[in-house]
Amino acid sequence: MRTIEKIVPPAVFSVLFCICCASCKKQISNNEEISQLIKEKIFSLGFSTDHIQIIDDGYLTEGDIVLSQKQLDLKPETKFLRIAGNEQYRTYNLLTGLPRTLTITLSNSFPLSYGSALDDAIRRYNDEDLQLHFQRTASHGDIAITSGYGSWVAASGLPAGGAPYPTIKLNPSKIGNGTTATFTEFLATLIAHELGHCIGFRHTDYMDRSFSCPGRSVNEGSGNLGAVNIPGTPVTSDNGSWMLACVTLNQNRPFNNNDRIALNYLY
């Protein structure tokens, strides 16, 4: 999951959590402006070429995944994780130096509710007793959460060089603000999703985005990433994963059993 990209009737947020390799400040350009070469590079990495948009120094695909030119020029490894019919995927890079603690900084420009949601997202990961531990810090975090504005909801990126992607951008004008427990859980789900991208996870409904995004029957394509099924996972659809591409407003998605299997398999 990711933050909210747009609203689809009746009130479903297309929470396409951004895998960003560039900041997400600018409004996005038309799909016709993207060269065929860029489309081929994006597809070869296993990402969708449906409705590609330009954001600063990167390309936004799958509604929330931003890839930099540098990443497009990289040759990926041939692995990703798969769970059942709607799978859990990882990208071609993961964190190294385990066990390790990742610190997270939240910009003071956000309402107080965003801090509460971040604390909840951190708790969700730490409760899993992984080799990755998350900790909030006042400044100079390994991952900085900052605000941005545009047609997108949230944006983050893929790991590189064994380190997490260093930035998550949230768009308060699209996400909104609230003081209820329901809103906090919803926002924690979005932040946890973006953190998932930062440590190497892709969308669970990778093979069919219409599974969580109404009206968007898109196969993101496996490209040359490869596929490895996680032992012990079911062969039926995964309805509640925190890494589904879209989420309904005020919906809460804590880690389900399949998510825990995937997290423990990687970390």
C-alpha atoms as a PDB file:
ATOM      1  CA  MET A   1       0.000   0.000   0.000  1.00  0.00           C
ATOM      2  CA  ARG A   2       0.914   3.474  -0.277  1.00  0.00           C
ATOM      3  CA  THR A   3      -0.668   6.789   0.237  1.00  0.00           C
ATOM      4  CA  ILE A   4      -3.688   7.973  -1.580  1.00  0.00           C
ATOM      5  CA  GLU A   5      -3.325   8.814  -5.195  1.00  0.00           C
ATOM      6  CA  LYS A   6      -6.890   9.633  -6.096  1.00  0.00           C
ATOM      7  CA  ILE A   7     -10.429   8.867  -5.101  1.00  0.00           C
ATOM      8  CA  VAL A   8     -12.388   6.269  -6.989  1.00  0.00           C
ATOM      9  CA  PRO A   9     -16.135   5.934  -6.502  1.00  0.00           C
ATOM     10  CA  PRO A  10     -17.649   5.738  -4.048  1.00  0.00           C
ATOM     11  CA  ALA A  11     -14.801   6.754  -1.741  1.00  0.00           C
ATOM     12  CA  VAL A  12     -11.895   4.478  -2.381  1.00  0.00           C
ATOM     13  CA  PHE A  13      -8.416   5.907  -2.239  1.00  0.00           C
ATOM     14  CA  SER A  14      -6.161   4.574  -4.907  1.00  0.00           C
ATOM     15  CA  VAL A  15      -3.412   4.175  -2.403  1.00  0.00           C
ATOM     16  CA  LEU A  16      -0.718   3.378  -4.874  1.00  0.00           C
ATOM     17  CA  PHE A  17       2.259   3.526  -2.637  1.00  0.00           C
ATOM     18  CA  CYS A  18       5.121   5.151  -4.453  1.00  0.00           C
ATOM     19  CA  ILE A  19       8.373   3.411  -5.009  1.00  0.00           C
ATOM     20  CA  CYS A  20      10.261   6.586  -5.670  1.00  0.00           C
ATOM     21  CA  CYS A  21      13.752   7.005  -6.852  1.00  0.00           C
ATOM     22  CA  ALA A  22      13.232  10.718  -7.113  1.00  0.00           C
ATOM     23  CA  SER A  23      11.252  13.350  -5.295  1.00  0.00           C
ATOM     24  CA  CYS A  24       7.579  13.773  -6.091  1.00  0.00           C
ATOM     25  CA  LYS A  25       6.899  17.483  -6.184  1.00  0.00           C
ATOM     26  CA  LYS A  26       6.039  18.265  -9.771  1.00  0.00           C
ATOM     27  CA  GLN A  27       2.823  17.648 -11.585  1.00  0.00           C
ATOM     28  CA  ILE A  28       3.158  14.747 -13.956  1.00  0.00           C
ATOM     29  CA  SER A  29       3.351  14.925 -17.679  1.00  0.00           C
ATOM     30  CA  ASN A  30       1.363  13.076 -20.275  1.00  0.00           C
ATOM     31  CA  ASN A  31       2.039   9.448 -21.131  1.00  0.00           C
ATOM     32  CA  GLU A  32       2.723  10.477 -24.746  1.00  0.00           C
ATOM     33  CA  GLU A  33       5.794  12.424 -23.591  1.00  0.00           C
ATOM     34  CA  ILE A  34       7.553   9.278 -22.387  1.00  0.00           C
ATOM     35  CA  SER A  35       9.935   7.846 -24.971  1.00  0.00           C
ATOM     36  CA  GLN A  36       9.661   4.260 -26.117  1.00  0.00           C
ATOM     37  CA  LEU A  37      13.168   3.607 -24.792  1.00  0.00           C
ATOM     38  CA  ILE A  38      12.155   4.709 -21.295  1.00  0.00           C
ATOM     39  CA  LYS A  39       9.039   2.542 -21.476  1.00  0.00           C
ATOM     40  CA  GLU A  40      11.128  -0.453 -22.502  1.00  0.00           C
ATOM     41  CA  LYS A  41      13.549   0.096 -19.610  1.00  0.00           C
ATOM     42  CA  ILE A  42      10.705   0.405 -17.123  1.00  0.00           C
ATOM     43  CA  PHE A  43       9.078  -2.747 -18.476  1.00  0.00           C
ATOM     44  CA  SER A  44      12.377  -4.647 -18.432  1.00  0.00           C
ATOM     45  CA  LEU A  45      12.666  -3.975 -14.702  1.00  0.00           C
ATOM     46  CA  GLY A  46       9.245  -5.539 -14.219  1.00  0.00           C
ATOM     47  CA  PHE A  47       7.203  -2.368 -13.749  1.00  0.00           C
ATOM     48  CA  SER A  48       4.040  -1.351 -15.543  1.00  0.00           C
ATOM     49  CA  THR A  49       4.164   1.055 -18.487  1.00  0.00           C
ATOM     50  CA  ASP A  50       0.530   1.985 -17.924  1.00  0.00           C
ATOM     51  CA  HIS A  51       0.081   5.758 -17.391  1.00  0.00           C
ATOM     52  CA  ILE A  52       3.717   6.645 -16.782  1.00  0.00           C
ATOM     53  CA  GLN A  53       4.218  10.150 -15.389  1.00  0.00           C
ATOM     54  CA  ILE A  54       7.256  12.380 -14.867  1.00  0.00           C
ATOM     55  CA  ILE A  55       8.022  13.648 -11.366  1.00  0.00           C
ATOM     56  CA  ASP A  56      11.155  15.742 -10.925  1.00  0.00           C
ATOM     57  CA  ASP A  57      14.087  13.432 -11.750  1.00  0.00           C
ATOM     58  CA  GLY A  58      12.082  10.226 -11.987  1.00  0.00           C
ATOM     59  CA  TYR A  59       9.230   8.362 -13.619  1.00  0.00           C
ATOM     60  CA  LEU A  60       6.046   7.477 -11.734  1.00  0.00           C
ATOM     61  CA  THR A  61       4.506   4.138 -12.690  1.00  0.00           C
ATOM     62  CA  GLU A  62       1.922   1.789 -11.180  1.00  0.00           C
ATOM     63  CA  GLY A  63       0.327   4.886  -9.707  1.00  0.00           C
ATOM     64  CA  ASP A  64       2.906   5.232  -6.965  1.00  0.00           C
ATOM     65  CA  ILE A  65       6.253   3.831  -7.988  1.00  0.00           C
ATOM     66  CA  VAL A  66       8.944   6.299  -8.980  1.00  0.00           C
ATOM     67  CA  LEU A  67      12.089   5.135 -10.745  1.00  0.00           C
ATOM     68  CA  SER A  68      15.120   7.316 -11.396  1.00  0.00           C
ATOM     69  CA  GLN A  69      17.093   7.304 -14.624  1.00  0.00           C
ATOM     70  CA  LYS A  70      19.961   5.695 -12.714  1.00  0.00           C
ATOM     71  CA  GLN A  71      17.731   2.823 -11.671  1.00  0.00           C
ATOM     72  CA  LEU A  72      16.454   2.383 -15.204  1.00  0.00           C
ATOM     73  CA  ASP A  73      20.040   1.885 -16.315  1.00  0.00           C
ATOM     74  CA  LEU A  74      20.766  -0.762 -13.673  1.00  0.00           C
ATOM     75  CA  LYS A  75      20.717  -4.471 -14.418  1.00  0.00           C
ATOM     76  CA  PRO A  76      18.604  -6.128 -11.712  1.00  0.00           C
ATOM     77  CA  GLU A  77      19.118  -9.451 -10.029  1.00  0.00           C
ATOM     78  CA  THR A  78      16.645 -12.177 -10.913  1.00  0.00           C
ATOM     79  CA  LYS A  79      14.682 -12.640  -7.713  1.00  0.00           C
ATOM     80  CA  PHE A  80      11.489 -11.518  -6.107  1.00  0.00           C
ATOM     81  CA  LEU A  81       9.114 -13.064  -3.609  1.00  0.00           C
ATOM     82  CA  ARG A  82       5.772 -14.532  -4.486  1.00  0.00           C
ATOM     83  CA  ILE A  83       2.820 -15.435  -2.287  1.00  0.00           C
ATOM     84  CA  ALA A  84      -0.128 -17.357  -3.752  1.00  0.00           C
ATOM     85  CA  GLY A  85      -2.221 -15.964  -6.606  1.00  0.00           C
ATOM     86  CA  ASN A  86      -1.795 -12.413  -5.417  1.00  0.00           C
ATOM     87  CA  GLU A  87       1.817 -12.362  -4.385  1.00  0.00           C
ATOM     88  CA  GLN A  88       4.257 -10.687  -2.071  1.00  0.00           C
ATOM     89  CA  TYR A  89       7.151  -9.337  -4.074  1.00  0.00           C
ATOM     90  CA  ARG A  90      10.506  -7.866  -3.354  1.00  0.00           C
ATOM     91  CA  THR A  91      12.642  -5.759  -5.644  1.00  0.00           C
ATOM     92  CA  TYR A  92      16.139  -6.563  -6.882  1.00  0.00           C
ATOM     93  CA  ASN A  93      17.788  -5.025  -3.826  1.00  0.00           C
ATOM     94  CA  LEU A  94      17.410  -5.591  -0.095  1.00  0.00           C
ATOM     95  CA  LEU A  95      18.997  -4.197   3.045  1.00  0.00           C
ATOM     96  CA  THR A  96      22.297  -5.609   4.244  1.00  0.00           C
ATOM     97  CA  GLY A  97      24.235  -5.441   7.504  1.00  0.00           C
ATOM     98  CA  LEU A  98      21.570  -7.206   9.534  1.00  0.00           C
ATOM     99  CA  PRO A  99      20.630  -6.955  12.283  1.00  0.00           C
ATOM    100  CA  ARG A 100      20.297  -3.192  12.128  1.00  0.00           C
ATOM    101  CA  THR A 101      18.174  -0.293  13.347  1.00  0.00           C
ATOM    102  CA  LEU A 102      16.665   2.170  10.892  1.00  0.00           C
ATOM    103  CA  THR A 103      15.905   5.640  12.211  1.00  0.00           C
ATOM    104  CA  ILE A 104      12.970   7.666  10.862  1.00  0.00           C
ATOM    105  CA  THR A 105      12.559  11.430  10.947  1.00  0.00           C
ATOM    106  CA  LEU A 106       9.160  13.116  10.530  1.00  0.00           C
ATOM    107  CA  SER A 107       9.036  16.715   9.313  1.00  0.00           C
ATOM    108  CA  ASN A 108       7.483  19.107  11.843  1.00  0.00           C
ATOM    109  CA  SER A 109       5.293  20.500   9.059  1.00  0.00           C
ATOM    110  CA  PHE A 110       2.788  17.667   9.562  1.00  0.00           C
ATOM    111  CA  PRO A 111      -0.204  17.731  11.945  1.00  0.00           C
ATOM    112  CA  LEU A 112       0.197  15.885  15.233  1.00  0.00           C
ATOM    113  CA  SER A 113      -1.896  12.979  13.945  1.00  0.00           C
ATOM    114  CA  TYR A 114       0.873  12.100  11.497  1.00  0.00           C
ATOM    115  CA  GLY A 115       3.295  11.586  14.358  1.00  0.00           C
ATOM    116  CA  SER A 116       0.862   9.235  16.082  1.00  0.00           C
ATOM    117  CA  ALA A 117       0.417   7.292  12.848  1.00  0.00           C
ATOM    118  CA  LEU A 118       4.186   6.990  12.365  1.00  0.00           C
ATOM    119  CA  ASP A 119       4.565   5.643  15.893  1.00  0.00           C
ATOM    120  CA  ASP A 120       1.877   3.044  15.133  1.00  0.00           C
ATOM    121  CA  ALA A 121       3.591   2.043  11.866  1.00  0.00           C
ATOM    122  CA  ILE A 122       6.923   1.631  13.663  1.00  0.00           C
ATOM    123  CA  ARG A 123       5.263  -0.462  16.359  1.00  0.00           C
ATOM    124  CA  ARG A 124       3.770  -2.781  13.738  1.00  0.00           C
ATOM    125  CA  TYR A 125       7.211  -3.632  12.388  1.00  0.00           C
ATOM    126  CA  ASN A 126       8.952  -3.860  15.744  1.00  0.00           C
ATOM    127  CA  ASP A 127       6.261  -6.187  17.112  1.00  0.00           C
ATOM    128  CA  GLU A 128       7.366  -8.724  14.471  1.00  0.00           C
ATOM    129  CA  ASP A 129      10.801  -9.066  16.132  1.00  0.00           C
ATOM    130  CA  LEU A 130      12.648  -8.852  12.809  1.00  0.00           C
ATOM    131  CA  GLN A 131      16.348  -8.314  12.225  1.00  0.00           C
ATOM    132  CA  LEU A 132      15.253  -4.811  11.216  1.00  0.00           C
ATOM    133  CA  HIS A 133      14.277  -2.503  14.042  1.00  0.00           C
ATOM    134  CA  PHE A 134      12.673   0.901  13.431  1.00  0.00           C
ATOM    135  CA  GLN A 135      13.186   3.895  15.685  1.00  0.00           C
ATOM    136  CA  ARG A 136      11.925   7.464  15.473  1.00  0.00           C
ATOM    137  CA  THR A 137      14.499  10.234  15.765  1.00  0.00           C
ATOM    138  CA  ALA A 138      14.310  14.029  15.756  1.00  0.00           C
ATOM    139  CA  SER A 139      16.767  14.588  12.911  1.00  0.00           C
ATOM    140  CA  HIS A 140      19.090  12.941  10.388  1.00  0.00           C
ATOM    141  CA  GLY A 141      17.102   9.721  10.163  1.00  0.00           C
ATOM    142  CA  ASP A 142      17.955   6.931   7.754  1.00  0.00           C
ATOM    143  CA  ILE A 143      14.507   7.617   6.291  1.00  0.00           C
ATOM    144  CA  ALA A 144      13.063  11.143   6.285  1.00  0.00           C
ATOM    145  CA  ILE A 145       9.304  11.638   5.924  1.00  0.00           C
ATOM    146  CA  THR A 146       8.560  14.991   4.298  1.00  0.00           C
ATOM    147  CA  SER A 147       5.506  16.693   2.819  1.00  0.00           C
ATOM    148  CA  GLY A 148       4.793  17.392  -0.819  1.00  0.00           C
ATOM    149  CA  TYR A 149       1.957  18.463  -3.078  1.00  0.00           C
ATOM    150  CA  GLY A 150       0.575  17.382  -6.435  1.00  0.00           C
ATOM    151  CA  SER A 151      -1.792  14.807  -7.922  1.00  0.00           C
ATOM    152  CA  TRP A 152      -0.095  11.952  -6.051  1.00  0.00           C
ATOM    153  CA  VAL A 153      -0.667  10.838  -2.462  1.00  0.00           C
ATOM    154  CA  ALA A 154       2.596   9.305  -1.313  1.00  0.00           C
ATOM    155  CA  ALA A 155       5.969   8.411  -2.720  1.00  0.00           C
ATOM    156  CA  SER A 156       8.954   6.385  -1.623  1.00  0.00           C
ATOM    157  CA  GLY A 157      11.736   4.421  -3.278  1.00  0.00           C
ATOM    158  CA  LEU A 158      13.662   1.200  -3.601  1.00  0.00           C
ATOM    159  CA  PRO A 159      16.721   0.174  -1.560  1.00  0.00           C
ATOM    160  CA  ALA A 160      20.154   0.691  -3.072  1.00  0.00           C
ATOM    161  CA  GLY A 161      23.609  -0.403  -1.993  1.00  0.00           C
ATOM    162  CA  GLY A 162      22.191  -2.337   0.942  1.00  0.00           C
ATOM    163  CA  ALA A 163      20.582   0.815   2.390  1.00  0.00           C
ATOM    164  CA  PRO A 164      16.891   1.781   2.532  1.00  0.00           C
ATOM    165  CA  TYR A 165      15.470   4.408   0.231  1.00  0.00           C
ATOM    166  CA  PRO A 166      15.998   7.592   2.288  1.00  0.00           C
ATOM    167  CA  THR A 167      12.789   9.545   1.662  1.00  0.00           C
ATOM    168  CA  ILE A 168       9.053   9.113   1.993  1.00  0.00           C
ATOM    169  CA  LYS A 169       6.869  11.941   0.747  1.00  0.00           C
ATOM    170  CA  LEU A 170       3.302  12.319   1.989  1.00  0.00           C
ATOM    171  CA  ASN A 171       0.738  14.669   0.459  1.00  0.00           C
ATOM    172  CA  PRO A 172      -1.484  16.080   3.249  1.00  0.00           C
ATOM    173  CA  SER A 173      -3.766  17.769   0.708  1.00  0.00           C
ATOM    174  CA  LYS A 174      -4.749  14.304  -0.548  1.00  0.00           C
ATOM    175  CA  ILE A 175      -4.501  12.337   2.694  1.00  0.00           C
ATOM    176  CA  GLY A 176      -6.209  14.843   4.952  1.00  0.00           C
ATOM    177  CA  ASN A 177      -6.044  15.063   8.733  1.00  0.00           C
ATOM    178  CA  GLY A 178      -7.994  13.565  11.586  1.00  0.00           C
ATOM    179  CA  THR A 179      -7.916  12.905  15.296  1.00  0.00           C
ATOM    180  CA  THR A 180      -9.823   9.631  15.461  1.00  0.00           C
ATOM    181  CA  ALA A 181      -8.287   6.231  16.068  1.00  0.00           C
ATOM    182  CA  THR A 182      -9.675   5.137  12.697  1.00  0.00           C
ATOM    183  CA  PHE A 183      -7.772   7.856  10.837  1.00  0.00           C
ATOM    184  CA  THR A 184      -4.568   7.115  12.753  1.00  0.00           C
ATOM    185  CA  GLU A 185      -4.765   3.409  11.853  1.00  0.00           C
ATOM    186  CA  PHE A 186      -5.473   4.280   8.240  1.00  0.00           C
ATOM    187  CA  LEU A 187      -2.493   6.637   8.017  1.00  0.00           C
ATOM    188  CA  ALA A 188      -0.298   4.102   9.839  1.00  0.00           C
ATOM    189  CA  THR A 189      -1.229   1.595   7.139  1.00  0.00           C
ATOM    190  CA  LEU A 190      -0.104   4.050   4.457  1.00  0.00           C
ATOM    191  CA  ILE A 191       3.182   4.809   6.186  1.00  0.00           C
ATOM    192  CA  ALA A 192       3.878   1.126   6.855  1.00  0.00           C
ATOM    193  CA  HIS A 193       3.279   0.477   3.150  1.00  0.00           C
ATOM    194  CA  GLU A 194       5.758   3.161   2.098  1.00  0.00           C
ATOM    195  CA  LEU A 195       8.297   1.785   4.556  1.00  0.00           C
ATOM    196  CA  GLY A 196       7.728  -1.587   2.917  1.00  0.00           C
ATOM    197  CA  HIS A 197       8.840  -0.107  -0.404  1.00  0.00           C
ATOM    198  CA  CYS A 198      11.879   1.476   1.248  1.00  0.00           C
ATOM    199  CA  ILE A 199      13.072  -1.944   2.417  1.00  0.00           C
ATOM    200  CA  GLY A 200      12.338  -3.701  -0.865  1.00  0.00           C
ATOM    201  CA  PHE A 201       8.694  -4.784  -1.090  1.00  0.00           C
ATOM    202  CA  ARG A 202       6.457  -4.305  -4.084  1.00  0.00           C
ATOM    203  CA  HIS A 203       2.678  -4.489  -4.342  1.00  0.00           C
ATOM    204  CA  THR A 204       1.078  -7.761  -3.296  1.00  0.00           C
ATOM    205  CA  ASP A 205      -1.418  -7.589  -6.183  1.00  0.00           C
ATOM    206  CA  TYR A 206       1.439  -7.330  -8.639  1.00  0.00           C
ATOM    207  CA  MET A 207      -0.172  -9.634 -11.209  1.00  0.00           C
ATOM    208  CA  ASP A 208      -3.596  -7.946 -11.203  1.00  0.00           C
ATOM    209  CA  ARG A 209      -3.984  -4.461  -9.789  1.00  0.00           C
ATOM    210  CA  SER A 210      -7.770  -4.643 -10.110  1.00  0.00           C
ATOM    211  CA  PHE A 211      -7.626  -6.913  -7.069  1.00  0.00           C
ATOM    212  CA  SER A 212      -7.399  -3.805  -4.853  1.00  0.00           C
ATOM    213  CA  CYS A 213      -7.801  -0.942  -7.372  1.00  0.00           C
ATOM    214  CA  PRO A 214     -11.315  -0.784  -8.889  1.00  0.00           C
ATOM    215  CA  GLY A 215     -11.254  -0.393 -12.626  1.00  0.00           C
ATOM    216  CA  ARG A 216      -7.504  -0.950 -12.985  1.00  0.00           C
ATOM    217  CA  SER A 217      -6.950  -4.458 -14.307  1.00  0.00           C
ATOM    218  CA  VAL A 218      -3.229  -4.023 -14.857  1.00  0.00           C
ATOM    219  CA  ASN A 219      -0.534  -6.678 -14.816  1.00  0.00           C
ATOM    220  CA  GLU A 220       2.636  -4.913 -13.712  1.00  0.00           C
ATOM    221  CA  GLY A 221       4.761  -7.528 -15.497  1.00  0.00           C
ATOM    222  CA  SER A 222       7.551  -9.572 -13.974  1.00  0.00           C
ATOM    223  CA  GLY A 223      10.213  -8.389 -16.403  1.00  0.00           C
ATOM    224  CA  ASN A 224      13.589  -9.931 -15.617  1.00  0.00           C
ATOM    225  CA  LEU A 225      13.148  -9.944 -11.843  1.00  0.00           C
ATOM    226  CA  GLY A 226      12.340 -13.659 -11.604  1.00  0.00           C
ATOM    227  CA  ALA A 227      10.002 -15.312  -9.074  1.00  0.00           C
ATOM    228  CA  VAL A 228      10.509 -17.370  -5.940  1.00  0.00           C
ATOM    229  CA  ASN A 229       7.554 -18.786  -4.046  1.00  0.00           C
ATOM    230  CA  ILE A 230       7.807 -18.463  -0.265  1.00  0.00           C
ATOM    231  CA  PRO A 231       7.540 -21.919   1.334  1.00  0.00           C
ATOM    232  CA  GLY A 232       4.477 -22.402   3.500  1.00  0.00           C
ATOM    233  CA  THR A 233       2.332 -19.711   1.918  1.00  0.00           C
ATOM    234  CA  PRO A 234      -1.210 -20.482   0.727  1.00  0.00           C
ATOM    235  CA  VAL A 235      -2.316 -20.886  -2.860  1.00  0.00           C
ATOM    236  CA  THR A 236      -5.353 -18.606  -2.547  1.00  0.00           C
ATOM    237  CA  SER A 237      -5.672 -14.845  -2.859  1.00  0.00           C
ATOM    238  CA  ASP A 238      -4.266 -12.621  -0.121  1.00  0.00           C
ATOM    239  CA  ASN A 239      -7.094 -10.243   0.726  1.00  0.00           C
ATOM    240  CA  GLY A 240      -5.636  -8.096   3.491  1.00  0.00           C
ATOM    241  CA  SER A 241      -1.945  -7.552   2.762  1.00  0.00           C
ATOM    242  CA  TRP A 242      -0.419  -4.246   3.810  1.00  0.00           C
ATOM    243  CA  MET A 243       1.293  -4.091   0.408  1.00  0.00           C
ATOM    244  CA  LEU A 244      -1.863  -4.112  -1.735  1.00  0.00           C
ATOM    245  CA  ALA A 245      -1.737  -1.228  -4.209  1.00  0.00           C
ATOM    246  CA  CYS A 246      -4.981   0.485  -3.171  1.00  0.00           C
ATOM    247  CA  VAL A 247      -6.822   0.988   0.094  1.00  0.00           C
ATOM    248  CA  THR A 248     -10.224   2.370   1.033  1.00  0.00           C
ATOM    249  CA  LEU A 249     -10.384   5.603   3.014  1.00  0.00           C
ATOM    250  CA  ASN A 250     -10.053   4.890   6.749  1.00  0.00           C
ATOM    251  CA  GLN A 251      -9.257   1.227   6.106  1.00  0.00           C
ATOM    252  CA  ASN A 252      -6.760  -0.412   8.430  1.00  0.00           C
ATOM    253  CA  ARG A 253      -4.460  -3.189   7.202  1.00  0.00           C
ATOM    254  CA  PRO A 254      -2.118  -4.527   9.880  1.00  0.00           C
ATOM    255  CA  PHE A 255       0.207  -7.346   8.846  1.00  0.00           C
ATOM    256  CA  ASN A 256      -1.634 -10.558   8.075  1.00  0.00           C
ATOM    257  CA  ASN A 257      -0.146 -14.060   8.291  1.00  0.00           C
ATOM    258  CA  ASN A 258       1.210 -13.978   4.737  1.00  0.00           C
ATOM    259  CA  ASP A 259       2.806 -10.578   5.349  1.00  0.00           C
ATOM    260  CA  ARG A 260       4.545 -11.968   8.414  1.00  0.00           C
ATOM    261  CA  ILE A 261       5.853 -14.919   6.428  1.00  0.00           C
ATOM    262  CA  ALA A 262       7.263 -12.557   3.796  1.00  0.00           C
ATOM    263  CA  LEU A 263       8.792 -10.186   6.365  1.00  0.00           C
ATOM    264  CA  ASN A 264      10.432 -13.007   8.258  1.00  0.00           C
ATOM    265  CA  TYR A 265      11.655 -14.619   5.039  1.00  0.00           C
ATOM    266  CA  LEU A 266      13.493 -11.438   4.068  1.00  0.00           C
ATOM    267  CA  TYR A 267      14.409  -9.936   7.429  1.00  0.00           C
END
